[in-house]
Each structure stands twice: as structure tokens, then as C-alpha cells.
Amino acid sequence: MCLFSSWKDCRASASVFGMPVLEDLRYPIGHFSLPASSMAGIRVAHIRTLKLFPERLTSAVTGLNDHQLDTPYREGGWTVRQVVHHLADSHANAYIRMKLALTEDWPTIKPYDEAAWADLSDARWLPVDISLNLITALHVRWVSLLEALSDEDFRRGYVHPESGRQNLAQVLAAYDWHSRHHTAHILNLRSQMGW
């Protein structure tokens, strides 16, 4: 279902998603930068992004046919289909990593090769509805978990072998950005192609 009467309206409302008009196709909303603060009010805004994300992503791909879904969002980039499946993979990993951080003392998590996962057959050919359904269910659980966390819980975290220590407030901010970042890829492609 589309949240907008037309995709021009969708593009015009990009500010609702925190997406400026893009200059760099690879980083349409800019690079991630850690917020100066992780106060509760800021975390509430990040959680709201995750709560609204399944509906926003579904809206971004509604009406696209297979040819459109198999179009890269930029030259050398993933197809829309791969982006949607990547989001399911990435957010599932983030959810599990958060649960590890809440139940263990600064565990070291296992990274994965995002590009290799996006090149597997399930990410290349499965219908996007499969990952949209997964994302919808996952985000219900994830948001429920996040809304129940205390300030102390958000100071817990994990060790990423490549990026070092990350507390849950930082991870939450990163996935707020990640959600908007990839939705912008799709919306900007639709705008460029007149879809």
C-alpha cells in the first residue's frame, strides 16, 4: 500500500523520512555520523523510525514489477530486490546482536559479508514480499524490545571485530540511519526513472 497519492508526492515528502534531495547516489542521506547525545528523547525518535520502517519500505516498493525490482539503484549498485533482502538480513543480524548484548557481557559478535549475502540466489530472485513480511514481524519484536530498555540497558553493547565496542544506543542510531539510507536508494531510483 502506498502512503502517498503519487510517487512525486512521495519524493516531495522525502523530508518526512529525513531524506534530502540526493547529490551522491551511494549516500543519498549522507554518511552515518554518531549523534552527539544518546538521551532518551533522541532514542525515542530512533525507535520511531524503526517502528515506521516496515510500512515505509513497503510503500517504497509498492507497484514495482520484476524488471523494476531488478534495476540497480545506481551503476554498480544492488538491485532494489537485493536492497530489500539485504535489509531483512542486516536488521535480523542487528536484532540478534542486541539480544546477545543484553544477555552477555560485551560479547564479540561475528561479522558477515553483506555483499556476498546480497549475491546469493535468495537475495537475487525471491519475491520481495518474503523479506517485507520478515521485516514487518522482526520490527514488531525489535521495537517492543527497544521500548522496554532502560538507560542502563542502552549502555550495554558488544564488540565488533572490525569496528570495536558499540553500545546499544549507538547501534540504534546506526539502524535508524540504515533504514532511511536504503529507503532513500529506492525512492531516488523511482524518482529518477519516473516510476
N, C-alpha and C. Protein backbone atom coordinates (compact mmCIF):
# COMPACT_ATOMS: atom_id res chain seq x y z
N MET A 1 0.84 -1.17 0.00
CA MET A 1 0.00 0.00 0.00
C MET A 1 0.88 1.24 0.00
N CYS A 2 0.46 2.25 -0.70
CA CYS A 2 1.24 3.47 -0.83
C CYS A 2 0.75 4.50 0.17
N LEU A 3 1.67 5.16 0.80
CA LEU A 3 1.29 6.20 1.77
C LEU A 3 1.05 7.54 1.09
N PHE A 4 1.29 7.62 -0.21
CA PHE A 4 1.21 8.86 -0.93
C PHE A 4 0.32 8.67 -2.15
N SER A 5 -0.30 9.76 -2.65
CA SER A 5 -1.16 9.65 -3.82
C SER A 5 -0.36 9.44 -5.09
N SER A 6 0.89 9.86 -5.13
CA SER A 6 1.74 9.63 -6.29
C SER A 6 3.18 9.56 -5.83
N TRP A 7 4.06 9.03 -6.69
CA TRP A 7 5.46 8.94 -6.31
C TRP A 7 6.13 10.30 -6.31
N LYS A 8 5.56 11.26 -7.06
CA LYS A 8 6.08 12.63 -6.95
C LYS A 8 5.80 13.16 -5.55
N ASP A 9 4.58 12.86 -5.03
CA ASP A 9 4.28 13.26 -3.66
C ASP A 9 5.21 12.56 -2.68
N CYS A 10 5.51 11.30 -2.97
CA CYS A 10 6.42 10.52 -2.13
C CYS A 10 7.80 11.19 -2.10
N ARG A 11 8.30 11.55 -3.26
CA ARG A 11 9.61 12.21 -3.36
C ARG A 11 9.58 13.57 -2.67
N ALA A 12 8.48 14.31 -2.88
CA ALA A 12 8.37 15.63 -2.28
C ALA A 12 8.33 15.54 -0.76
N SER A 13 7.83 14.42 -0.26
CA SER A 13 7.73 14.26 1.19
C SER A 13 8.96 13.58 1.76
N ALA A 14 10.03 13.54 1.01
CA ALA A 14 11.24 12.86 1.47
C ALA A 14 11.70 13.37 2.83
N SER A 15 11.40 14.62 3.13
CA SER A 15 11.82 15.16 4.42
C SER A 15 11.14 14.42 5.57
N VAL A 16 9.96 13.82 5.34
CA VAL A 16 9.31 13.02 6.36
C VAL A 16 10.23 11.88 6.77
N PHE A 17 10.96 11.34 5.79
CA PHE A 17 11.88 10.26 6.05
C PHE A 17 13.25 10.79 6.43
N GLY A 18 13.43 12.11 6.50
CA GLY A 18 14.73 12.68 6.79
C GLY A 18 15.68 12.55 5.62
N MET A 19 15.14 12.56 4.39
CA MET A 19 15.96 12.37 3.20
C MET A 19 16.01 13.64 2.38
N PRO A 20 17.16 14.30 2.32
CA PRO A 20 17.28 15.45 1.45
C PRO A 20 17.37 15.01 -0.01
N VAL A 21 17.21 15.96 -0.91
CA VAL A 21 17.42 15.64 -2.32
C VAL A 21 18.85 15.17 -2.47
N LEU A 22 19.02 14.07 -3.17
CA LEU A 22 20.34 13.45 -3.16
C LEU A 22 21.32 14.09 -4.13
N GLU A 23 22.55 14.11 -3.72
CA GLU A 23 23.67 14.53 -4.55
C GLU A 23 24.56 13.33 -4.86
N ASP A 24 24.71 12.42 -3.91
CA ASP A 24 25.56 11.25 -4.04
C ASP A 24 24.67 10.02 -4.03
N LEU A 25 24.60 9.32 -5.16
CA LEU A 25 23.71 8.16 -5.26
C LEU A 25 24.04 7.07 -4.25
N ARG A 26 25.28 6.98 -3.86
CA ARG A 26 25.68 5.95 -2.90
C ARG A 26 25.23 6.29 -1.48
N TYR A 27 25.27 7.57 -1.13
CA TYR A 27 24.89 8.01 0.22
C TYR A 27 23.85 9.13 0.12
N PRO A 28 22.63 8.78 -0.24
CA PRO A 28 21.62 9.81 -0.51
C PRO A 28 21.23 10.66 0.70
N ILE A 29 21.45 10.16 1.90
CA ILE A 29 21.15 10.97 3.09
C ILE A 29 22.43 11.31 3.84
N GLY A 30 23.56 11.09 3.18
CA GLY A 30 24.86 11.35 3.80
C GLY A 30 25.37 10.13 4.54
N HIS A 31 26.62 10.21 4.95
CA HIS A 31 27.24 9.14 5.72
C HIS A 31 26.69 9.14 7.14
N PHE A 32 26.71 7.99 7.77
CA PHE A 32 26.28 7.90 9.17
C PHE A 32 27.25 8.66 10.05
N SER A 33 26.71 9.46 10.93
CA SER A 33 27.54 10.07 11.97
C SER A 33 26.81 9.88 13.29
N LEU A 34 27.58 9.50 14.29
CA LEU A 34 27.03 9.23 15.60
C LEU A 34 26.44 10.50 16.20
N PRO A 35 25.22 10.44 16.72
CA PRO A 35 24.65 11.63 17.36
C PRO A 35 25.51 12.09 18.54
N ALA A 36 25.49 13.38 18.80
CA ALA A 36 26.28 13.93 19.90
C ALA A 36 25.80 13.41 21.25
N SER A 37 24.55 12.99 21.30
CA SER A 37 23.97 12.54 22.56
C SER A 37 23.13 11.29 22.32
N SER A 38 22.95 10.50 23.36
CA SER A 38 22.04 9.36 23.26
C SER A 38 20.95 9.47 24.32
N MET A 39 20.50 10.70 24.54
CA MET A 39 19.45 10.94 25.53
C MET A 39 18.18 10.18 25.14
N ALA A 40 17.33 9.96 26.12
CA ALA A 40 16.11 9.17 25.92
C ALA A 40 15.25 9.74 24.79
N GLY A 41 15.12 11.04 24.69
CA GLY A 41 14.30 11.65 23.64
C GLY A 41 14.83 11.36 22.25
N ILE A 42 16.12 11.33 22.10
CA ILE A 42 16.74 11.00 20.81
C ILE A 42 16.50 9.53 20.49
N ARG A 43 16.64 8.69 21.51
CA ARG A 43 16.39 7.26 21.30
C ARG A 43 14.94 7.00 20.91
N VAL A 44 14.01 7.73 21.48
CA VAL A 44 12.59 7.58 21.12
C VAL A 44 12.40 7.87 19.63
N ALA A 45 13.06 8.89 19.12
CA ALA A 45 12.96 9.22 17.69
C ALA A 45 13.54 8.09 16.84
N HIS A 46 14.66 7.53 17.27
CA HIS A 46 15.27 6.42 16.52
C HIS A 46 14.35 5.20 16.53
N ILE A 47 13.76 4.92 17.67
CA ILE A 47 12.84 3.77 17.77
C ILE A 47 11.62 4.00 16.88
N ARG A 48 11.15 5.23 16.83
CA ARG A 48 10.00 5.54 15.95
C ARG A 48 10.35 5.25 14.48
N THR A 49 11.57 5.59 14.07
CA THR A 49 11.99 5.28 12.70
C THR A 49 11.89 3.78 12.46
N LEU A 50 12.38 2.98 13.41
CA LEU A 50 12.32 1.52 13.24
C LEU A 50 10.88 1.01 13.25
N LYS A 51 10.03 1.66 14.02
CA LYS A 51 8.62 1.26 14.07
C LYS A 51 7.93 1.53 12.73
N LEU A 52 8.23 2.65 12.12
CA LEU A 52 7.59 3.04 10.87
C LEU A 52 8.26 2.43 9.64
N PHE A 53 9.46 1.91 9.81
CA PHE A 53 10.24 1.44 8.68
C PHE A 53 9.54 0.38 7.81
N PRO A 54 8.93 -0.68 8.38
CA PRO A 54 8.31 -1.68 7.50
C PRO A 54 7.26 -1.07 6.57
N GLU A 55 6.45 -0.18 7.08
CA GLU A 55 5.42 0.46 6.26
C GLU A 55 6.06 1.38 5.21
N ARG A 56 7.10 2.09 5.59
CA ARG A 56 7.77 2.98 4.65
C ARG A 56 8.47 2.20 3.54
N LEU A 57 9.13 1.11 3.90
CA LEU A 57 9.80 0.30 2.90
C LEU A 57 8.79 -0.35 1.96
N THR A 58 7.71 -0.88 2.52
CA THR A 58 6.66 -1.47 1.69
C THR A 58 6.11 -0.44 0.73
N SER A 59 5.86 0.75 1.21
CA SER A 59 5.37 1.83 0.36
C SER A 59 6.36 2.15 -0.76
N ALA A 60 7.64 2.13 -0.43
CA ALA A 60 8.68 2.47 -1.42
C ALA A 60 8.74 1.48 -2.57
N VAL A 61 8.36 0.22 -2.35
CA VAL A 61 8.45 -0.78 -3.42
C VAL A 61 7.09 -1.16 -4.00
N THR A 62 6.01 -0.65 -3.44
CA THR A 62 4.68 -0.99 -3.92
C THR A 62 4.53 -0.61 -5.39
N GLY A 63 4.01 -1.55 -6.15
CA GLY A 63 3.73 -1.30 -7.56
C GLY A 63 4.89 -1.57 -8.50
N LEU A 64 6.05 -1.90 -7.97
CA LEU A 64 7.19 -2.18 -8.85
C LEU A 64 7.07 -3.58 -9.43
N ASN A 65 7.32 -3.71 -10.73
CA ASN A 65 7.30 -5.02 -11.37
C ASN A 65 8.69 -5.66 -11.26
N ASP A 66 8.82 -6.89 -11.74
CA ASP A 66 10.09 -7.60 -11.61
C ASP A 66 11.23 -6.87 -12.31
N HIS A 67 10.97 -6.33 -13.47
CA HIS A 67 12.03 -5.58 -14.18
C HIS A 67 12.51 -4.40 -13.32
N GLN A 68 11.58 -3.68 -12.73
CA GLN A 68 11.95 -2.54 -11.88
C GLN A 68 12.67 -3.01 -10.61
N LEU A 69 12.20 -4.09 -10.01
CA LEU A 69 12.85 -4.62 -8.81
C LEU A 69 14.27 -5.10 -9.11
N ASP A 70 14.51 -5.48 -10.35
CA ASP A 70 15.83 -5.98 -10.73
C ASP A 70 16.71 -4.89 -11.35
N THR A 71 16.33 -3.64 -11.13
CA THR A 71 17.11 -2.49 -11.59
C THR A 71 18.00 -2.01 -10.45
N PRO A 72 19.31 -1.84 -10.70
CA PRO A 72 20.19 -1.31 -9.66
C PRO A 72 19.83 0.15 -9.32
N TYR A 73 19.95 0.50 -8.06
CA TYR A 73 19.63 1.87 -7.65
C TYR A 73 20.68 2.86 -8.15
N ARG A 74 21.85 2.37 -8.53
CA ARG A 74 22.91 3.18 -9.14
C ARG A 74 23.79 2.23 -9.93
N GLU A 75 24.59 2.76 -10.84
CA GLU A 75 25.50 1.93 -11.60
C GLU A 75 26.46 1.21 -10.64
N GLY A 76 26.54 -0.10 -10.78
CA GLY A 76 27.40 -0.89 -9.91
C GLY A 76 26.79 -1.19 -8.55
N GLY A 77 25.58 -0.73 -8.30
CA GLY A 77 24.93 -0.95 -7.01
C GLY A 77 24.00 -2.15 -7.04
N TRP A 78 23.43 -2.46 -5.89
CA TRP A 78 22.48 -3.55 -5.78
C TRP A 78 21.18 -3.20 -6.49
N THR A 79 20.45 -4.23 -6.85
CA THR A 79 19.10 -4.02 -7.39
C THR A 79 18.17 -3.68 -6.21
N VAL A 80 17.00 -3.17 -6.54
CA VAL A 80 16.01 -2.89 -5.50
C VAL A 80 15.70 -4.18 -4.74
N ARG A 81 15.57 -5.28 -5.46
CA ARG A 81 15.28 -6.58 -4.82
C ARG A 81 16.39 -6.93 -3.82
N GLN A 82 17.65 -6.77 -4.23
CA GLN A 82 18.76 -7.08 -3.33
C GLN A 82 18.77 -6.15 -2.12
N VAL A 83 18.41 -4.89 -2.31
CA VAL A 83 18.35 -3.95 -1.19
C VAL A 83 17.33 -4.42 -0.16
N VAL A 84 16.14 -4.81 -0.63
CA VAL A 84 15.10 -5.25 0.30
C VAL A 84 15.55 -6.49 1.06
N HIS A 85 16.13 -7.46 0.36
CA HIS A 85 16.59 -8.68 1.03
C HIS A 85 17.77 -8.37 1.97
N HIS A 86 18.63 -7.44 1.56
CA HIS A 86 19.73 -7.02 2.45
C HIS A 86 19.19 -6.44 3.74
N LEU A 87 18.15 -5.64 3.64
CA LEU A 87 17.57 -5.02 4.84
C LEU A 87 17.07 -6.09 5.81
N ALA A 88 16.45 -7.14 5.29
CA ALA A 88 16.00 -8.23 6.17
C ALA A 88 17.19 -8.90 6.84
N ASP A 89 18.24 -9.20 6.05
CA ASP A 89 19.43 -9.83 6.61
C ASP A 89 20.08 -8.96 7.67
N SER A 90 20.29 -7.71 7.33
CA SER A 90 21.00 -6.78 8.22
C SER A 90 20.24 -6.54 9.51
N HIS A 91 18.94 -6.29 9.40
CA HIS A 91 18.16 -5.98 10.60
C HIS A 91 17.98 -7.21 11.47
N ALA A 92 17.91 -8.39 10.87
CA ALA A 92 17.85 -9.62 11.68
C ALA A 92 19.15 -9.79 12.46
N ASN A 93 20.27 -9.55 11.80
CA ASN A 93 21.56 -9.62 12.50
C ASN A 93 21.63 -8.60 13.63
N ALA A 94 21.17 -7.38 13.38
CA ALA A 94 21.22 -6.34 14.41
C ALA A 94 20.37 -6.71 15.62
N TYR A 95 19.18 -7.22 15.37
CA TYR A 95 18.28 -7.64 16.45
C TYR A 95 18.94 -8.72 17.31
N ILE A 96 19.50 -9.72 16.66
CA ILE A 96 20.16 -10.81 17.40
C ILE A 96 21.37 -10.28 18.17
N ARG A 97 22.16 -9.41 17.56
CA ARG A 97 23.32 -8.84 18.24
C ARG A 97 22.89 -8.05 19.47
N MET A 98 21.80 -7.32 19.36
CA MET A 98 21.31 -6.57 20.53
C MET A 98 20.92 -7.52 21.65
N LYS A 99 20.24 -8.61 21.30
CA LYS A 99 19.84 -9.56 22.33
C LYS A 99 21.06 -10.22 22.98
N LEU A 100 22.10 -10.48 22.18
CA LEU A 100 23.35 -11.00 22.75
C LEU A 100 23.92 -9.99 23.74
N ALA A 101 23.93 -8.71 23.38
CA ALA A 101 24.49 -7.68 24.25
C ALA A 101 23.70 -7.55 25.54
N LEU A 102 22.40 -7.81 25.48
CA LEU A 102 21.56 -7.70 26.68
C LEU A 102 21.67 -8.91 27.59
N THR A 103 22.19 -10.01 27.07
CA THR A 103 22.23 -11.24 27.86
C THR A 103 23.64 -11.75 28.14
N GLU A 104 24.64 -11.08 27.58
CA GLU A 104 26.03 -11.45 27.80
C GLU A 104 26.82 -10.18 28.11
N ASP A 105 28.01 -10.36 28.64
CA ASP A 105 28.84 -9.21 28.99
C ASP A 105 29.78 -8.87 27.83
N TRP A 106 29.41 -7.86 27.06
CA TRP A 106 30.20 -7.36 25.93
C TRP A 106 30.71 -8.50 25.05
N PRO A 107 29.76 -9.28 24.47
CA PRO A 107 30.19 -10.37 23.60
C PRO A 107 30.85 -9.84 22.32
N THR A 108 31.71 -10.65 21.76
CA THR A 108 32.27 -10.35 20.44
C THR A 108 31.36 -10.99 19.42
N ILE A 109 30.83 -10.17 18.51
CA ILE A 109 29.89 -10.69 17.52
C ILE A 109 30.63 -11.10 16.25
N LYS A 110 29.96 -11.89 15.44
CA LYS A 110 30.54 -12.34 14.19
C LYS A 110 30.04 -11.45 13.06
N PRO A 111 30.96 -10.79 12.35
CA PRO A 111 30.53 -10.01 11.18
C PRO A 111 30.17 -10.95 10.03
N TYR A 112 29.55 -10.41 9.00
CA TYR A 112 29.22 -11.20 7.81
C TYR A 112 29.49 -10.35 6.58
N ASP A 113 29.67 -10.99 5.46
CA ASP A 113 29.98 -10.31 4.20
C ASP A 113 28.67 -9.92 3.52
N GLU A 114 28.25 -8.66 3.72
CA GLU A 114 26.97 -8.19 3.19
C GLU A 114 26.87 -8.36 1.68
N ALA A 115 27.94 -8.02 0.97
CA ALA A 115 27.93 -8.12 -0.49
C ALA A 115 27.76 -9.57 -0.94
N ALA A 116 28.44 -10.49 -0.27
CA ALA A 116 28.32 -11.92 -0.62
C ALA A 116 26.90 -12.41 -0.34
N TRP A 117 26.32 -11.98 0.79
CA TRP A 117 24.94 -12.39 1.10
C TRP A 117 23.99 -11.85 0.04
N ALA A 118 24.20 -10.60 -0.39
CA ALA A 118 23.31 -9.98 -1.38
C ALA A 118 23.45 -10.64 -2.74
N ASP A 119 24.52 -11.38 -2.95
CA ASP A 119 24.74 -12.05 -4.23
C ASP A 119 24.23 -13.49 -4.23
N LEU A 120 23.76 -13.99 -3.10
CA LEU A 120 23.21 -15.35 -3.04
C LEU A 120 21.86 -15.39 -3.76
N SER A 121 21.45 -16.57 -4.18
CA SER A 121 20.25 -16.71 -5.02
C SER A 121 18.98 -16.19 -4.35
N ASP A 122 18.84 -16.36 -3.02
CA ASP A 122 17.62 -15.88 -2.37
C ASP A 122 17.49 -14.37 -2.47
N ALA A 123 18.61 -13.66 -2.38
CA ALA A 123 18.57 -12.19 -2.47
C ALA A 123 18.41 -11.71 -3.91
N ARG A 124 18.80 -12.52 -4.85
CA ARG A 124 18.72 -12.14 -6.26
C ARG A 124 17.36 -12.43 -6.89
N TRP A 125 16.65 -13.48 -6.39
CA TRP A 125 15.47 -13.93 -7.14
C TRP A 125 14.18 -14.05 -6.35
N LEU A 126 14.23 -14.20 -5.06
CA LEU A 126 12.98 -14.36 -4.30
C LEU A 126 12.13 -13.09 -4.38
N PRO A 127 10.81 -13.24 -4.32
CA PRO A 127 9.94 -12.06 -4.28
C PRO A 127 10.25 -11.22 -3.04
N VAL A 128 10.15 -9.90 -3.17
CA VAL A 128 10.45 -9.01 -2.05
C VAL A 128 9.45 -9.16 -0.92
N ASP A 129 8.25 -9.64 -1.21
CA ASP A 129 7.24 -9.79 -0.15
C ASP A 129 7.72 -10.70 0.97
N ILE A 130 8.55 -11.66 0.64
CA ILE A 130 9.07 -12.56 1.66
C ILE A 130 9.88 -11.78 2.69
N SER A 131 10.77 -10.92 2.23
CA SER A 131 11.56 -10.12 3.17
C SER A 131 10.75 -9.00 3.79
N LEU A 132 9.78 -8.45 3.07
CA LEU A 132 8.92 -7.42 3.67
C LEU A 132 8.14 -8.01 4.85
N ASN A 133 7.64 -9.23 4.70
CA ASN A 133 6.93 -9.89 5.81
C ASN A 133 7.87 -10.16 6.97
N LEU A 134 9.09 -10.60 6.67
CA LEU A 134 10.08 -10.84 7.72
C LEU A 134 10.41 -9.54 8.46
N ILE A 135 10.63 -8.48 7.71
CA ILE A 135 10.96 -7.18 8.31
C ILE A 135 9.81 -6.69 9.19
N THR A 136 8.58 -6.85 8.72
CA THR A 136 7.42 -6.41 9.49
C THR A 136 7.36 -7.14 10.83
N ALA A 137 7.46 -8.46 10.80
CA ALA A 137 7.41 -9.23 12.05
C ALA A 137 8.61 -8.93 12.93
N LEU A 138 9.79 -8.88 12.34
CA LEU A 138 11.01 -8.60 13.09
C LEU A 138 10.93 -7.25 13.80
N HIS A 139 10.45 -6.24 13.11
CA HIS A 139 10.41 -4.90 13.70
C HIS A 139 9.39 -4.78 14.82
N VAL A 140 8.32 -5.57 14.76
CA VAL A 140 7.38 -5.59 15.89
C VAL A 140 8.11 -6.07 17.14
N ARG A 141 8.86 -7.14 17.00
CA ARG A 141 9.61 -7.67 18.14
C ARG A 141 10.72 -6.71 18.57
N TRP A 142 11.47 -6.19 17.59
CA TRP A 142 12.61 -5.32 17.88
C TRP A 142 12.15 -4.05 18.60
N VAL A 143 11.11 -3.42 18.09
CA VAL A 143 10.60 -2.19 18.71
C VAL A 143 10.09 -2.48 20.11
N SER A 144 9.39 -3.60 20.28
CA SER A 144 8.91 -3.97 21.61
C SER A 144 10.07 -4.11 22.59
N LEU A 145 11.13 -4.75 22.15
CA LEU A 145 12.32 -4.90 22.99
C LEU A 145 12.93 -3.54 23.31
N LEU A 146 13.12 -2.72 22.30
CA LEU A 146 13.76 -1.41 22.49
C LEU A 146 12.97 -0.50 23.42
N GLU A 147 11.64 -0.53 23.29
CA GLU A 147 10.81 0.33 24.13
C GLU A 147 10.87 -0.07 25.60
N ALA A 148 11.27 -1.28 25.89
CA ALA A 148 11.33 -1.77 27.27
C ALA A 148 12.70 -1.55 27.92
N LEU A 149 13.70 -1.10 27.14
CA LEU A 149 15.05 -0.97 27.68
C LEU A 149 15.21 0.27 28.55
N SER A 150 16.05 0.13 29.55
CA SER A 150 16.38 1.25 30.44
C SER A 150 17.60 2.00 29.90
N ASP A 151 17.90 3.15 30.51
CA ASP A 151 19.11 3.88 30.15
C ASP A 151 20.34 2.99 30.32
N GLU A 152 20.35 2.23 31.41
CA GLU A 152 21.47 1.33 31.67
C GLU A 152 21.60 0.26 30.58
N ASP A 153 20.46 -0.26 30.13
CA ASP A 153 20.48 -1.26 29.06
C ASP A 153 21.14 -0.70 27.79
N PHE A 154 20.84 0.56 27.47
CA PHE A 154 21.39 1.17 26.26
C PHE A 154 22.90 1.40 26.36
N ARG A 155 23.45 1.31 27.58
CA ARG A 155 24.90 1.43 27.73
C ARG A 155 25.60 0.08 27.54
N ARG A 156 24.82 -1.00 27.54
CA ARG A 156 25.38 -2.32 27.26
C ARG A 156 25.75 -2.36 25.78
N GLY A 157 26.53 -3.35 25.39
CA GLY A 157 26.88 -3.44 23.98
C GLY A 157 27.65 -4.68 23.64
N TYR A 158 28.29 -4.62 22.49
CA TYR A 158 29.08 -5.75 22.01
C TYR A 158 30.35 -5.24 21.36
N VAL A 159 31.23 -6.16 21.06
CA VAL A 159 32.48 -5.84 20.38
C VAL A 159 32.38 -6.36 18.95
N HIS A 160 32.53 -5.44 18.01
CA HIS A 160 32.59 -5.81 16.60
C HIS A 160 34.06 -5.97 16.26
N PRO A 161 34.48 -7.11 15.70
CA PRO A 161 35.91 -7.34 15.45
C PRO A 161 36.57 -6.26 14.58
N GLU A 162 35.79 -5.60 13.72
CA GLU A 162 36.36 -4.58 12.85
C GLU A 162 36.14 -3.16 13.37
N SER A 163 35.02 -2.93 14.06
CA SER A 163 34.65 -1.58 14.48
C SER A 163 34.84 -1.30 15.97
N GLY A 164 35.14 -2.33 16.74
CA GLY A 164 35.35 -2.14 18.17
C GLY A 164 34.06 -2.18 18.98
N ARG A 165 34.11 -1.57 20.17
CA ARG A 165 32.97 -1.57 21.09
C ARG A 165 31.87 -0.65 20.59
N GLN A 166 30.63 -1.15 20.65
CA GLN A 166 29.46 -0.37 20.25
C GLN A 166 28.37 -0.59 21.28
N ASN A 167 27.91 0.49 21.89
CA ASN A 167 26.81 0.32 22.84
C ASN A 167 25.48 0.34 22.08
N LEU A 168 24.42 -0.08 22.74
CA LEU A 168 23.14 -0.24 22.06
C LEU A 168 22.55 1.08 21.61
N ALA A 169 22.84 2.18 22.29
CA ALA A 169 22.38 3.49 21.83
C ALA A 169 23.02 3.82 20.48
N GLN A 170 24.30 3.49 20.32
CA GLN A 170 24.99 3.72 19.05
C GLN A 170 24.43 2.83 17.95
N VAL A 171 24.18 1.58 18.29
CA VAL A 171 23.64 0.64 17.30
C VAL A 171 22.25 1.09 16.86
N LEU A 172 21.43 1.53 17.81
CA LEU A 172 20.09 2.03 17.48
C LEU A 172 20.18 3.21 16.52
N ALA A 173 21.06 4.15 16.79
CA ALA A 173 21.23 5.31 15.90
C ALA A 173 21.66 4.86 14.51
N ALA A 174 22.56 3.88 14.44
CA ALA A 174 23.03 3.39 13.15
C ALA A 174 21.90 2.75 12.35
N TYR A 175 21.01 2.04 13.01
CA TYR A 175 19.92 1.38 12.28
C TYR A 175 18.78 2.32 11.95
N ASP A 176 18.64 3.40 12.68
CA ASP A 176 17.75 4.48 12.24
C ASP A 176 18.27 4.99 10.89
N TRP A 177 19.57 5.32 10.84
CA TRP A 177 20.19 5.80 9.60
C TRP A 177 20.10 4.74 8.50
N HIS A 178 20.40 3.49 8.81
CA HIS A 178 20.39 2.40 7.82
C HIS A 178 19.02 2.27 7.17
N SER A 179 17.98 2.37 7.96
CA SER A 179 16.61 2.27 7.44
C SER A 179 16.33 3.40 6.45
N ARG A 180 16.67 4.61 6.83
CA ARG A 180 16.42 5.76 5.96
C ARG A 180 17.33 5.75 4.73
N HIS A 181 18.57 5.31 4.91
CA HIS A 181 19.58 5.26 3.85
C HIS A 181 19.11 4.39 2.68
N HIS A 182 18.68 3.17 2.99
CA HIS A 182 18.28 2.27 1.91
C HIS A 182 16.90 2.60 1.34
N THR A 183 16.00 3.13 2.16
CA THR A 183 14.73 3.58 1.61
C THR A 183 14.97 4.72 0.62
N ALA A 184 15.92 5.58 0.93
CA ALA A 184 16.27 6.68 0.02
C ALA A 184 16.81 6.15 -1.31
N HIS A 185 17.58 5.07 -1.27
CA HIS A 185 18.07 4.48 -2.53
C HIS A 185 16.89 4.16 -3.45
N ILE A 186 15.88 3.52 -2.88
CA ILE A 186 14.73 3.09 -3.68
C ILE A 186 13.91 4.28 -4.15
N LEU A 187 13.62 5.21 -3.24
CA LEU A 187 12.81 6.37 -3.61
C LEU A 187 13.50 7.23 -4.65
N ASN A 188 14.80 7.37 -4.53
CA ASN A 188 15.52 8.18 -5.50
C ASN A 188 15.56 7.51 -6.87
N LEU A 189 15.69 6.19 -6.91
CA LEU A 189 15.63 5.49 -8.19
C LEU A 189 14.27 5.68 -8.82
N ARG A 190 13.22 5.53 -8.02
CA ARG A 190 11.85 5.71 -8.56
C ARG A 190 11.69 7.12 -9.13
N SER A 191 12.22 8.09 -8.42
CA SER A 191 12.11 9.46 -8.89
C SER A 191 12.88 9.66 -10.21
N GLN A 192 14.09 9.15 -10.26
CA GLN A 192 14.93 9.29 -11.47
C GLN A 192 14.29 8.61 -12.68
N MET A 193 13.68 7.44 -12.44
CA MET A 193 13.11 6.65 -13.54
C MET A 193 11.67 7.03 -13.85
N GLY A 194 11.09 7.89 -13.03
CA GLY A 194 9.69 8.27 -13.25
C GLY A 194 8.70 7.16 -12.93
N TRP A 195 9.08 6.29 -11.98
CA TRP A 195 8.19 5.20 -11.58
C TRP A 195 7.26 5.66 -10.49
